[in-house]
Amino acid sequence: MTNETEIIRKRYDRLAPYFDRIESMMEKMMVGELREKIWQKVQGEKILEVGVGTGKNFPYYPAKSITAIDFSPAMINEASKKRKHSGMVVDLSIMDVQQLNFPDNHFDSVIGTFLFCSVPGPKQGLLELKRVCKPGGEVLLLEHVLSSNRIAAAIMHLLNPITLRLVGANINRETVKKVQACGFSKVDVLPQSSDIVKLIRAVK
């Protein structure tokens, strides 16, 4: 784990007990519905969620058994509390998306929601998702990205140091371009996307 990754991990460890409350307004306004939409696209029996956080996606899981990882022990602890009430079998592990401890071609679908805004090496993490996904399998991402509007983008660049310091999130990343640079056979931005929140589907 790099020094930058360790700094971000510690930040999320501190935020974990309060994280759901911090993001509650954004969840109510727009995110909850988008979480459901991206999870409706998940296919297959072997599913991996990366960046599980506090387990916000548990209500949308399409299967009874899913593997889920996060690099923050405190986030995994919060997720384990929700798991008890979910009625699902969720295999939770502490793991860095930049260095996954899974074999090649292992999962039918890999999914992450609002993860790559906080990963220090996003391309490295994306290549790891591709590696552990089976040929023909899908990587599904829900990410906030830099606006295509020049004025909005300039504001996002100005605000980024603040959001990074407060919640460890970069709001000015161009994640679609990073996914496209990873050599997937097909990359789609789904129609439910907005200017600054993208639903991305990449086929290995």
N, C-alpha and C. Protein backbone atom coordinates (compact mmCIF):
# COMPACT_ATOMS: atom_id res chain seq x y z
N MET A 1 0.85 -1.20 0.00
CA MET A 1 0.00 0.00 0.00
C MET A 1 0.88 1.24 0.00
N THR A 2 0.65 2.14 -0.95
CA THR A 2 1.45 3.34 -1.04
C THR A 2 1.13 4.30 0.11
N ASN A 3 2.02 5.27 0.31
CA ASN A 3 1.80 6.25 1.37
C ASN A 3 0.52 7.04 1.15
N GLU A 4 0.25 7.40 -0.12
CA GLU A 4 -0.98 8.14 -0.43
C GLU A 4 -2.22 7.30 -0.14
N THR A 5 -2.15 6.03 -0.50
CA THR A 5 -3.27 5.12 -0.22
C THR A 5 -3.50 5.00 1.27
N GLU A 6 -2.42 4.92 2.03
CA GLU A 6 -2.53 4.80 3.49
C GLU A 6 -3.16 6.05 4.10
N ILE A 7 -2.80 7.21 3.60
CA ILE A 7 -3.40 8.46 4.09
C ILE A 7 -4.91 8.47 3.84
N ILE A 8 -5.31 8.07 2.64
CA ILE A 8 -6.73 8.04 2.29
C ILE A 8 -7.47 6.99 3.11
N ARG A 9 -6.83 5.84 3.31
CA ARG A 9 -7.46 4.79 4.12
C ARG A 9 -7.74 5.29 5.53
N LYS A 10 -6.77 5.96 6.13
CA LYS A 10 -6.95 6.48 7.49
C LYS A 10 -8.08 7.52 7.53
N ARG A 11 -8.18 8.31 6.47
CA ARG A 11 -9.26 9.30 6.41
C ARG A 11 -10.62 8.61 6.41
N TYR A 12 -10.76 7.54 5.62
CA TYR A 12 -12.02 6.82 5.57
C TYR A 12 -12.28 6.05 6.87
N ASP A 13 -11.22 5.60 7.51
CA ASP A 13 -11.40 4.96 8.82
C ASP A 13 -12.02 5.94 9.81
N ARG A 14 -11.56 7.18 9.77
CA ARG A 14 -12.11 8.20 10.68
C ARG A 14 -13.55 8.55 10.33
N LEU A 15 -13.86 8.59 9.03
CA LEU A 15 -15.19 9.00 8.59
C LEU A 15 -16.23 7.90 8.71
N ALA A 16 -15.80 6.65 8.74
CA ALA A 16 -16.72 5.51 8.62
C ALA A 16 -17.96 5.58 9.52
N PRO A 17 -17.81 5.88 10.83
CA PRO A 17 -19.01 5.88 11.68
C PRO A 17 -20.04 6.95 11.32
N TYR A 18 -19.59 8.00 10.60
CA TYR A 18 -20.48 9.12 10.27
C TYR A 18 -20.77 9.21 8.78
N PHE A 19 -20.23 8.28 8.00
CA PHE A 19 -20.24 8.42 6.55
C PHE A 19 -21.64 8.48 5.96
N ASP A 20 -22.52 7.62 6.42
CA ASP A 20 -23.89 7.61 5.88
C ASP A 20 -24.60 8.93 6.15
N ARG A 21 -24.37 9.50 7.32
CA ARG A 21 -25.01 10.78 7.64
C ARG A 21 -24.43 11.91 6.80
N ILE A 22 -23.11 11.87 6.57
CA ILE A 22 -22.46 12.91 5.76
C ILE A 22 -23.05 12.94 4.36
N GLU A 23 -23.32 11.77 3.80
CA GLU A 23 -23.77 11.68 2.41
C GLU A 23 -25.28 11.53 2.26
N SER A 24 -26.02 11.63 3.36
CA SER A 24 -27.45 11.34 3.33
C SER A 24 -28.23 12.24 2.37
N MET A 25 -27.90 13.52 2.32
CA MET A 25 -28.63 14.44 1.44
C MET A 25 -28.42 14.08 -0.03
N MET A 26 -27.17 13.80 -0.41
CA MET A 26 -26.89 13.43 -1.79
C MET A 26 -27.58 12.12 -2.16
N GLU A 27 -27.61 11.19 -1.21
CA GLU A 27 -28.28 9.91 -1.47
C GLU A 27 -29.76 10.13 -1.77
N LYS A 28 -30.41 10.97 -0.98
CA LYS A 28 -31.84 11.20 -1.16
C LYS A 28 -32.13 11.94 -2.46
N MET A 29 -31.25 12.85 -2.83
CA MET A 29 -31.49 13.69 -4.01
C MET A 29 -31.33 12.92 -5.32
N MET A 30 -30.30 12.05 -5.39
CA MET A 30 -30.03 11.46 -6.70
C MET A 30 -29.37 10.09 -6.68
N VAL A 31 -28.58 9.79 -5.68
CA VAL A 31 -27.71 8.63 -5.78
C VAL A 31 -28.44 7.32 -5.60
N GLY A 32 -29.38 7.27 -4.66
CA GLY A 32 -30.07 6.01 -4.38
C GLY A 32 -30.69 5.38 -5.61
N GLU A 33 -31.36 6.20 -6.42
CA GLU A 33 -32.00 5.71 -7.64
C GLU A 33 -30.96 5.19 -8.64
N LEU A 34 -29.82 5.88 -8.73
CA LEU A 34 -28.78 5.46 -9.66
C LEU A 34 -28.10 4.17 -9.19
N ARG A 35 -27.97 4.01 -7.89
CA ARG A 35 -27.43 2.75 -7.37
C ARG A 35 -28.30 1.58 -7.84
N GLU A 36 -29.59 1.74 -7.69
CA GLU A 36 -30.51 0.67 -8.10
C GLU A 36 -30.38 0.39 -9.60
N LYS A 37 -30.26 1.44 -10.40
CA LYS A 37 -30.18 1.26 -11.86
C LYS A 37 -28.92 0.51 -12.26
N ILE A 38 -27.79 0.83 -11.64
CA ILE A 38 -26.55 0.15 -12.03
C ILE A 38 -26.56 -1.30 -11.58
N TRP A 39 -27.15 -1.56 -10.42
CA TRP A 39 -27.20 -2.94 -9.93
C TRP A 39 -28.16 -3.80 -10.75
N GLN A 40 -29.13 -3.18 -11.39
CA GLN A 40 -30.03 -3.94 -12.27
C GLN A 40 -29.30 -4.49 -13.49
N LYS A 41 -28.13 -3.95 -13.79
CA LYS A 41 -27.35 -4.40 -14.95
C LYS A 41 -26.45 -5.59 -14.63
N VAL A 42 -26.29 -5.91 -13.35
CA VAL A 42 -25.35 -6.96 -12.94
C VAL A 42 -25.86 -8.33 -13.37
N GLN A 43 -24.95 -9.13 -13.94
CA GLN A 43 -25.31 -10.46 -14.41
C GLN A 43 -24.32 -11.49 -13.86
N GLY A 44 -24.76 -12.75 -13.87
CA GLY A 44 -23.88 -13.84 -13.46
C GLY A 44 -24.04 -14.24 -12.01
N GLU A 45 -23.34 -15.29 -11.65
CA GLU A 45 -23.43 -15.84 -10.30
C GLU A 45 -22.28 -15.38 -9.40
N LYS A 46 -21.11 -15.18 -9.97
CA LYS A 46 -19.95 -14.75 -9.18
C LYS A 46 -19.79 -13.25 -9.36
N ILE A 47 -20.11 -12.51 -8.30
CA ILE A 47 -20.14 -11.05 -8.37
C ILE A 47 -19.20 -10.48 -7.31
N LEU A 48 -18.44 -9.47 -7.71
CA LEU A 48 -17.55 -8.77 -6.79
C LEU A 48 -17.94 -7.30 -6.73
N GLU A 49 -18.14 -6.79 -5.51
CA GLU A 49 -18.29 -5.35 -5.33
C GLU A 49 -17.00 -4.81 -4.75
N VAL A 50 -16.42 -3.83 -5.42
CA VAL A 50 -15.20 -3.18 -4.92
C VAL A 50 -15.57 -1.84 -4.31
N GLY A 51 -14.93 -1.51 -3.19
CA GLY A 51 -15.27 -0.28 -2.49
C GLY A 51 -16.65 -0.34 -1.88
N VAL A 52 -16.91 -1.42 -1.14
CA VAL A 52 -18.24 -1.63 -0.56
C VAL A 52 -18.62 -0.55 0.44
N GLY A 53 -17.62 0.11 1.04
CA GLY A 53 -17.91 1.16 2.00
C GLY A 53 -18.71 0.65 3.18
N THR A 54 -19.77 1.36 3.53
CA THR A 54 -20.60 0.97 4.67
C THR A 54 -21.70 -0.02 4.30
N GLY A 55 -21.71 -0.45 3.04
CA GLY A 55 -22.73 -1.40 2.60
C GLY A 55 -23.99 -0.75 2.07
N LYS A 56 -23.85 0.44 1.50
CA LYS A 56 -25.03 1.16 0.98
C LYS A 56 -25.74 0.41 -0.14
N ASN A 57 -25.00 -0.46 -0.83
CA ASN A 57 -25.61 -1.17 -1.97
C ASN A 57 -26.30 -2.47 -1.59
N PHE A 58 -26.21 -2.88 -0.34
CA PHE A 58 -26.82 -4.16 0.06
C PHE A 58 -28.28 -4.30 -0.38
N PRO A 59 -29.11 -3.25 -0.25
CA PRO A 59 -30.52 -3.41 -0.65
C PRO A 59 -30.72 -3.70 -2.14
N TYR A 60 -29.69 -3.45 -2.94
CA TYR A 60 -29.83 -3.62 -4.39
C TYR A 60 -29.16 -4.88 -4.91
N TYR A 61 -28.55 -5.65 -4.02
CA TYR A 61 -27.85 -6.86 -4.46
C TYR A 61 -28.82 -7.81 -5.15
N PRO A 62 -28.48 -8.29 -6.36
CA PRO A 62 -29.38 -9.18 -7.09
C PRO A 62 -29.23 -10.65 -6.73
N ALA A 63 -28.22 -10.96 -5.94
CA ALA A 63 -27.95 -12.36 -5.59
C ALA A 63 -27.82 -12.48 -4.08
N LYS A 64 -27.98 -13.69 -3.59
CA LYS A 64 -27.90 -13.93 -2.16
C LYS A 64 -26.46 -14.03 -1.66
N SER A 65 -25.53 -14.23 -2.57
CA SER A 65 -24.13 -14.40 -2.18
C SER A 65 -23.23 -13.55 -3.06
N ILE A 66 -22.53 -12.62 -2.44
CA ILE A 66 -21.68 -11.68 -3.17
C ILE A 66 -20.39 -11.47 -2.38
N THR A 67 -19.28 -11.32 -3.09
CA THR A 67 -18.00 -10.96 -2.48
C THR A 67 -17.86 -9.44 -2.53
N ALA A 68 -17.45 -8.84 -1.41
CA ALA A 68 -17.33 -7.38 -1.34
C ALA A 68 -16.07 -7.00 -0.59
N ILE A 69 -15.36 -6.01 -1.12
CA ILE A 69 -14.09 -5.60 -0.49
C ILE A 69 -14.04 -4.09 -0.30
N ASP A 70 -13.20 -3.68 0.66
CA ASP A 70 -12.89 -2.27 0.87
C ASP A 70 -11.53 -2.20 1.55
N PHE A 71 -10.80 -1.13 1.30
CA PHE A 71 -9.46 -1.03 1.90
C PHE A 71 -9.49 -0.46 3.31
N SER A 72 -10.65 0.01 3.76
CA SER A 72 -10.79 0.60 5.08
C SER A 72 -11.39 -0.39 6.07
N PRO A 73 -10.63 -0.82 7.09
CA PRO A 73 -11.19 -1.73 8.09
C PRO A 73 -12.43 -1.18 8.78
N ALA A 74 -12.46 0.13 9.02
CA ALA A 74 -13.61 0.73 9.69
C ALA A 74 -14.85 0.69 8.80
N MET A 75 -14.67 0.88 7.50
CA MET A 75 -15.80 0.76 6.57
C MET A 75 -16.32 -0.68 6.54
N ILE A 76 -15.42 -1.64 6.51
CA ILE A 76 -15.82 -3.04 6.53
C ILE A 76 -16.58 -3.35 7.82
N ASN A 77 -16.17 -2.75 8.92
CA ASN A 77 -16.87 -2.95 10.19
C ASN A 77 -18.30 -2.42 10.12
N GLU A 78 -18.48 -1.24 9.50
CA GLU A 78 -19.83 -0.70 9.34
C GLU A 78 -20.66 -1.58 8.42
N ALA A 79 -20.05 -2.08 7.35
CA ALA A 79 -20.76 -2.95 6.42
C ALA A 79 -21.17 -4.26 7.08
N SER A 80 -20.32 -4.77 7.97
CA SER A 80 -20.65 -6.03 8.64
C SER A 80 -21.87 -5.88 9.55
N LYS A 81 -22.06 -4.68 10.11
CA LYS A 81 -23.25 -4.43 10.93
C LYS A 81 -24.51 -4.50 10.07
N LYS A 82 -24.45 -3.91 8.86
CA LYS A 82 -25.60 -3.96 7.96
C LYS A 82 -25.84 -5.36 7.43
N ARG A 83 -24.78 -6.11 7.26
CA ARG A 83 -24.91 -7.47 6.74
C ARG A 83 -25.79 -8.33 7.64
N LYS A 84 -25.70 -8.11 8.93
CA LYS A 84 -26.48 -8.90 9.89
C LYS A 84 -27.98 -8.75 9.65
N HIS A 85 -28.38 -7.58 9.16
CA HIS A 85 -29.80 -7.30 8.97
C HIS A 85 -30.25 -7.45 7.52
N SER A 86 -29.32 -7.79 6.62
CA SER A 86 -29.65 -7.82 5.20
C SER A 86 -30.25 -9.15 4.75
N GLY A 87 -29.99 -10.21 5.50
CA GLY A 87 -30.46 -11.54 5.09
C GLY A 87 -29.67 -12.12 3.94
N MET A 88 -28.51 -11.52 3.64
CA MET A 88 -27.70 -11.98 2.52
C MET A 88 -26.37 -12.53 3.01
N VAL A 89 -25.78 -13.37 2.18
CA VAL A 89 -24.44 -13.87 2.46
C VAL A 89 -23.46 -12.97 1.72
N VAL A 90 -22.78 -12.11 2.45
CA VAL A 90 -21.81 -11.20 1.85
C VAL A 90 -20.44 -11.52 2.43
N ASP A 91 -19.53 -11.94 1.58
CA ASP A 91 -18.16 -12.25 1.99
C ASP A 91 -17.35 -10.96 1.99
N LEU A 92 -17.17 -10.37 3.16
CA LEU A 92 -16.49 -9.09 3.29
C LEU A 92 -15.00 -9.29 3.56
N SER A 93 -14.17 -8.54 2.84
CA SER A 93 -12.72 -8.63 3.04
C SER A 93 -12.10 -7.24 2.97
N ILE A 94 -11.04 -7.04 3.75
CA ILE A 94 -10.24 -5.82 3.66
C ILE A 94 -9.23 -6.02 2.54
N MET A 95 -9.34 -5.19 1.51
CA MET A 95 -8.49 -5.38 0.33
C MET A 95 -8.43 -4.07 -0.47
N ASP A 96 -7.28 -3.81 -1.06
CA ASP A 96 -7.06 -2.62 -1.88
C ASP A 96 -7.39 -2.95 -3.33
N VAL A 97 -8.26 -2.16 -3.95
CA VAL A 97 -8.66 -2.39 -5.34
C VAL A 97 -7.46 -2.31 -6.29
N GLN A 98 -6.40 -1.63 -5.87
CA GLN A 98 -5.21 -1.52 -6.70
C GLN A 98 -4.36 -2.79 -6.68
N GLN A 99 -4.71 -3.72 -5.77
CA GLN A 99 -3.96 -4.97 -5.65
C GLN A 99 -4.89 -6.06 -5.11
N LEU A 100 -5.73 -6.59 -5.98
CA LEU A 100 -6.75 -7.56 -5.57
C LEU A 100 -6.15 -8.95 -5.40
N ASN A 101 -6.56 -9.62 -4.34
CA ASN A 101 -6.08 -10.97 -4.06
C ASN A 101 -7.02 -12.02 -4.62
N PHE A 102 -7.34 -11.90 -5.89
CA PHE A 102 -8.19 -12.88 -6.57
C PHE A 102 -7.48 -13.34 -7.84
N PRO A 103 -7.76 -14.56 -8.28
CA PRO A 103 -7.13 -15.05 -9.51
C PRO A 103 -7.68 -14.35 -10.75
N ASP A 104 -6.98 -14.49 -11.84
CA ASP A 104 -7.44 -13.95 -13.12
C ASP A 104 -8.75 -14.60 -13.53
N ASN A 105 -9.58 -13.85 -14.26
CA ASN A 105 -10.79 -14.40 -14.89
C ASN A 105 -11.70 -15.12 -13.89
N HIS A 106 -11.97 -14.47 -12.77
CA HIS A 106 -12.64 -15.15 -11.65
C HIS A 106 -14.12 -14.78 -11.51
N PHE A 107 -14.50 -13.53 -11.83
CA PHE A 107 -15.87 -13.06 -11.57
C PHE A 107 -16.63 -12.81 -12.87
N ASP A 108 -17.95 -13.08 -12.82
CA ASP A 108 -18.82 -12.78 -13.96
C ASP A 108 -19.04 -11.28 -14.10
N SER A 109 -19.21 -10.60 -12.97
CA SER A 109 -19.41 -9.14 -12.96
C SER A 109 -18.62 -8.53 -11.81
N VAL A 110 -18.06 -7.37 -12.07
CA VAL A 110 -17.38 -6.59 -11.03
C VAL A 110 -18.02 -5.20 -11.03
N ILE A 111 -18.37 -4.71 -9.86
CA ILE A 111 -19.08 -3.43 -9.78
C ILE A 111 -18.50 -2.55 -8.69
N GLY A 112 -18.46 -1.25 -8.97
CA GLY A 112 -18.02 -0.27 -7.99
C GLY A 112 -18.85 0.98 -8.11
N THR A 113 -19.22 1.58 -6.99
CA THR A 113 -20.01 2.81 -7.01
C THR A 113 -19.27 3.91 -6.25
N PHE A 114 -19.00 4.99 -6.94
CA PHE A 114 -18.33 6.16 -6.37
C PHE A 114 -17.04 5.75 -5.66
N LEU A 115 -16.26 4.96 -6.37
CA LEU A 115 -14.99 4.44 -5.84
C LEU A 115 -13.79 5.14 -6.45
N PHE A 116 -13.77 5.28 -7.77
CA PHE A 116 -12.55 5.73 -8.42
C PHE A 116 -12.30 7.22 -8.30
N CYS A 117 -13.16 7.91 -7.60
CA CYS A 117 -12.89 9.30 -7.23
C CYS A 117 -11.87 9.36 -6.10
N SER A 118 -11.67 8.24 -5.39
CA SER A 118 -10.80 8.26 -4.22
C SER A 118 -9.60 7.33 -4.33
N VAL A 119 -9.50 6.56 -5.40
CA VAL A 119 -8.37 5.64 -5.58
C VAL A 119 -7.16 6.43 -6.09
N PRO A 120 -6.01 6.38 -5.39
CA PRO A 120 -4.85 7.15 -5.84
C PRO A 120 -4.37 6.78 -7.24
N GLY A 121 -4.39 5.49 -7.56
CA GLY A 121 -3.99 5.03 -8.88
C GLY A 121 -5.17 4.44 -9.62
N PRO A 122 -6.07 5.28 -10.18
CA PRO A 122 -7.29 4.75 -10.78
C PRO A 122 -7.06 3.78 -11.92
N LYS A 123 -6.06 4.05 -12.78
CA LYS A 123 -5.83 3.12 -13.89
C LYS A 123 -5.38 1.76 -13.39
N GLN A 124 -4.51 1.76 -12.38
CA GLN A 124 -4.07 0.49 -11.80
C GLN A 124 -5.26 -0.29 -11.24
N GLY A 125 -6.16 0.41 -10.55
CA GLY A 125 -7.35 -0.24 -10.02
C GLY A 125 -8.26 -0.77 -11.11
N LEU A 126 -8.45 0.00 -12.17
CA LEU A 126 -9.30 -0.43 -13.28
C LEU A 126 -8.72 -1.66 -13.97
N LEU A 127 -7.41 -1.69 -14.13
CA LEU A 127 -6.77 -2.86 -14.74
C LEU A 127 -6.93 -4.10 -13.87
N GLU A 128 -6.95 -3.91 -12.56
CA GLU A 128 -7.20 -5.03 -11.65
C GLU A 128 -8.62 -5.56 -11.81
N LEU A 129 -9.59 -4.67 -11.97
CA LEU A 129 -10.97 -5.11 -12.21
C LEU A 129 -11.05 -5.92 -13.49
N LYS A 130 -10.38 -5.43 -14.51
CA LYS A 130 -10.37 -6.15 -15.79
C LYS A 130 -9.72 -7.53 -15.63
N ARG A 131 -8.64 -7.59 -14.88
CA ARG A 131 -7.91 -8.85 -14.69
C ARG A 131 -8.77 -9.92 -14.04
N VAL A 132 -9.52 -9.56 -13.00
CA VAL A 132 -10.28 -10.57 -12.25
C VAL A 132 -11.63 -10.88 -12.88
N CYS A 133 -12.02 -10.10 -13.88
CA CYS A 133 -13.29 -10.33 -14.58
C CYS A 133 -13.09 -11.40 -15.66
N LYS A 134 -14.07 -12.28 -15.81
CA LYS A 134 -13.99 -13.32 -16.83
C LYS A 134 -14.08 -12.72 -18.24
N PRO A 135 -13.50 -13.38 -19.24
CA PRO A 135 -13.69 -12.93 -20.62
C PRO A 135 -15.18 -12.87 -20.97
N GLY A 136 -15.61 -11.76 -21.52
CA GLY A 136 -17.02 -11.56 -21.81
C GLY A 136 -17.81 -11.03 -20.63
N GLY A 137 -17.18 -10.99 -19.45
CA GLY A 137 -17.82 -10.45 -18.26
C GLY A 137 -17.81 -8.93 -18.28
N GLU A 138 -18.48 -8.33 -17.31
CA GLU A 138 -18.66 -6.88 -17.31
C GLU A 138 -18.14 -6.22 -16.04
N VAL A 139 -17.54 -5.06 -16.23
CA VAL A 139 -17.21 -4.16 -15.13
C VAL A 139 -18.20 -3.01 -15.19
N LEU A 140 -18.92 -2.79 -14.10
CA LEU A 140 -19.94 -1.74 -14.03
C LEU A 140 -19.53 -0.71 -12.99
N LEU A 141 -19.58 0.55 -13.38
CA LEU A 141 -19.15 1.63 -12.50
C LEU A 141 -20.19 2.74 -12.47
N LEU A 142 -20.41 3.28 -11.28
CA LEU A 142 -21.21 4.49 -11.09
C LEU A 142 -20.27 5.52 -10.49
N GLU A 143 -19.97 6.57 -11.25
CA GLU A 143 -18.92 7.51 -10.83
C GLU A 143 -19.33 8.95 -11.11
N HIS A 144 -18.96 9.86 -10.18
CA HIS A 144 -19.11 11.27 -10.52
C HIS A 144 -17.82 11.73 -11.21
N VAL A 145 -18.00 12.54 -12.25
CA VAL A 145 -16.88 12.90 -13.12
C VAL A 145 -16.88 14.41 -13.39
N LEU A 146 -15.82 14.85 -14.04
CA LEU A 146 -15.69 16.26 -14.40
C LEU A 146 -16.76 16.65 -15.42
N SER A 147 -17.38 17.79 -15.21
CA SER A 147 -18.42 18.27 -16.13
C SER A 147 -17.82 18.59 -17.50
N SER A 148 -18.64 18.42 -18.54
CA SER A 148 -18.23 18.80 -19.89
C SER A 148 -18.43 20.29 -20.14
N ASN A 149 -19.12 20.95 -19.21
CA ASN A 149 -19.33 22.40 -19.30
C ASN A 149 -18.09 23.11 -18.74
N ARG A 150 -17.52 24.02 -19.51
CA ARG A 150 -16.24 24.63 -19.11
C ARG A 150 -16.35 25.40 -17.79
N ILE A 151 -17.44 26.12 -17.61
CA ILE A 151 -17.60 26.90 -16.38
C ILE A 151 -17.77 25.97 -15.18
N ALA A 152 -18.65 24.96 -15.33
CA ALA A 152 -18.85 23.99 -14.25
C ALA A 152 -17.57 23.24 -13.95
N ALA A 153 -16.82 22.88 -14.99
CA ALA A 153 -15.56 22.17 -14.79
C ALA A 153 -14.56 23.02 -14.01
N ALA A 154 -14.50 24.31 -14.33
CA ALA A 154 -13.59 25.21 -13.62
C ALA A 154 -13.96 25.29 -12.14
N ILE A 155 -15.25 25.33 -11.85
CA ILE A 155 -15.71 25.36 -10.45
C ILE A 155 -15.34 24.06 -9.75
N MET A 156 -15.51 22.94 -10.44
CA MET A 156 -15.18 21.64 -9.86
C MET A 156 -13.68 21.54 -9.55
N HIS A 157 -12.85 22.08 -10.44
CA HIS A 157 -11.40 22.09 -10.19
C HIS A 157 -11.08 22.91 -8.94
N LEU A 158 -11.79 24.04 -8.76
CA LEU A 158 -11.57 24.88 -7.59
C LEU A 158 -12.01 24.19 -6.31
N LEU A 159 -13.14 23.47 -6.39
CA LEU A 159 -13.69 22.82 -5.20
C LEU A 159 -12.99 21.51 -4.86
N ASN A 160 -12.28 20.93 -5.81
CA ASN A 160 -11.72 19.60 -5.61
C ASN A 160 -10.83 19.47 -4.37
N PRO A 161 -9.92 20.43 -4.09
CA PRO A 161 -9.11 20.29 -2.88
C PRO A 161 -9.95 20.22 -1.60
N ILE A 162 -11.10 20.88 -1.61
CA ILE A 162 -11.97 20.87 -0.43
C ILE A 162 -12.63 19.51 -0.27
N THR A 163 -13.22 19.00 -1.35
CA THR A 163 -13.88 17.68 -1.26
C THR A 163 -12.87 16.58 -0.97
N LEU A 164 -11.67 16.73 -1.52
CA LEU A 164 -10.63 15.73 -1.26
C LEU A 164 -10.25 15.72 0.21
N ARG A 165 -10.14 16.89 0.80
CA ARG A 165 -9.77 16.98 2.21
C ARG A 165 -10.91 16.52 3.13
N LEU A 166 -12.15 16.87 2.77
CA LEU A 166 -13.28 16.54 3.64
C LEU A 166 -13.66 15.07 3.59
N VAL A 167 -13.80 14.52 2.37
CA VAL A 167 -14.30 13.14 2.24
C VAL A 167 -13.42 12.26 1.35
N GLY A 168 -12.23 12.75 1.00
CA GLY A 168 -11.31 11.93 0.23
C GLY A 168 -11.73 11.69 -1.20
N ALA A 169 -12.58 12.56 -1.75
CA ALA A 169 -13.12 12.33 -3.10
C ALA A 169 -12.67 13.41 -4.07
N ASN A 170 -12.15 12.97 -5.21
CA ASN A 170 -11.86 13.88 -6.32
C ASN A 170 -13.11 14.01 -7.18
N ILE A 171 -13.58 15.22 -7.38
CA ILE A 171 -14.80 15.42 -8.18
C ILE A 171 -14.48 15.85 -9.61
N ASN A 172 -13.20 15.87 -9.95
CA ASN A 172 -12.80 16.38 -11.27
C ASN A 172 -12.06 15.34 -12.12
N ARG A 173 -12.32 14.09 -11.87
CA ARG A 173 -11.66 13.04 -12.67
C ARG A 173 -12.45 12.73 -13.94
N GLU A 174 -11.73 12.29 -14.96
CA GLU A 174 -12.34 11.90 -16.23
C GLU A 174 -12.31 10.37 -16.34
N THR A 175 -13.15 9.74 -15.55
CA THR A 175 -13.11 8.30 -15.37
C THR A 175 -13.48 7.54 -16.64
N VAL A 176 -14.38 8.07 -17.42
CA VAL A 176 -14.76 7.37 -18.67
C VAL A 176 -13.53 7.20 -19.56
N LYS A 177 -12.74 8.25 -19.70
CA LYS A 177 -11.52 8.17 -20.52
C LYS A 177 -10.54 7.16 -19.95
N LYS A 178 -10.45 7.10 -18.63
CA LYS A 178 -9.53 6.14 -18.01
C LYS A 178 -9.97 4.70 -18.27
N VAL A 179 -11.27 4.45 -18.22
CA VAL A 179 -11.79 3.11 -18.53
C VAL A 179 -11.50 2.77 -19.99
N GLN A 180 -11.73 3.72 -20.87
CA GLN A 180 -11.50 3.49 -22.30
C GLN A 180 -10.04 3.19 -22.60
N ALA A 181 -9.13 3.66 -21.76
CA ALA A 181 -7.70 3.45 -21.98
C ALA A 181 -7.20 2.10 -21.46
N CYS A 182 -8.09 1.30 -20.89
CA CYS A 182 -7.68 0.05 -20.25
C CYS A 182 -7.79 -1.18 -21.16
N GLY A 183 -8.22 -1.00 -22.40
CA GLY A 183 -8.23 -2.11 -23.34
C GLY A 183 -9.41 -3.05 -23.24
N PHE A 184 -10.52 -2.59 -22.71
CA PHE A 184 -11.73 -3.41 -22.72
C PHE A 184 -12.22 -3.57 -24.16
N SER A 185 -12.94 -4.65 -24.44
CA SER A 185 -13.45 -4.87 -25.79
C SER A 185 -14.56 -3.88 -26.15
N LYS A 186 -15.26 -3.39 -25.13
CA LYS A 186 -16.35 -2.44 -25.37
C LYS A 186 -16.58 -1.61 -24.11
N VAL A 187 -16.77 -0.31 -24.27
CA VAL A 187 -17.08 0.58 -23.15
C VAL A 187 -18.29 1.43 -23.53
N ASP A 188 -19.33 1.39 -22.71
CA ASP A 188 -20.54 2.17 -22.95
C ASP A 188 -20.81 3.08 -21.76
N VAL A 189 -21.28 4.29 -22.04
CA VAL A 189 -21.84 5.16 -21.02
C VAL A 189 -23.35 5.02 -21.13
N LEU A 190 -23.98 4.50 -20.09
CA LEU A 190 -25.39 4.16 -20.16
C LEU A 190 -26.27 5.41 -20.18
N PRO A 191 -27.45 5.31 -20.80
CA PRO A 191 -28.29 6.50 -21.01
C PRO A 191 -28.83 7.13 -19.73
N GLN A 192 -28.79 6.41 -18.61
CA GLN A 192 -29.26 7.00 -17.35
C GLN A 192 -28.27 8.01 -16.79
N SER A 193 -27.12 8.16 -17.43
CA SER A 193 -26.07 9.05 -16.95
C SER A 193 -26.47 10.52 -17.09
N SER A 194 -25.83 11.35 -16.27
CA SER A 194 -25.98 12.80 -16.38
C SER A 194 -24.61 13.39 -16.74
N ASP A 195 -24.52 14.70 -16.75
CA ASP A 195 -23.26 15.35 -17.10
C ASP A 195 -22.15 15.01 -16.12
N ILE A 196 -22.47 14.94 -14.84
CA ILE A 196 -21.42 14.73 -13.84
C ILE A 196 -21.51 13.40 -13.11
N VAL A 197 -22.49 12.58 -13.42
CA VAL A 197 -22.59 11.24 -12.84
C VAL A 197 -22.78 10.25 -13.99
N LYS A 198 -21.83 9.34 -14.13
CA LYS A 198 -21.85 8.41 -15.26
C LYS A 198 -22.04 6.97 -14.79
N LEU A 199 -22.90 6.26 -15.51
CA LEU A 199 -23.03 4.81 -15.36
C LEU A 199 -22.25 4.19 -16.52
N ILE A 200 -21.20 3.48 -16.20
CA ILE A 200 -20.26 2.97 -17.19
C ILE A 200 -20.30 1.45 -17.22
N ARG A 201 -20.39 0.89 -18.42
CA ARG A 201 -20.33 -0.57 -18.56
C ARG A 201 -19.17 -0.91 -19.50
N ALA A 202 -18.23 -1.72 -19.00
CA ALA A 202 -17.07 -2.14 -19.79
C ALA A 202 -17.07 -3.66 -19.90
N VAL A 203 -16.97 -4.16 -21.11
CA VAL A 203 -16.97 -5.61 -21.37
C VAL A 203 -15.54 -6.05 -21.62
N LYS A 204 -15.12 -7.11 -20.93
CA LYS A 204 -13.75 -7.61 -21.10
C LYS A 204 -13.64 -8.38 -22.43
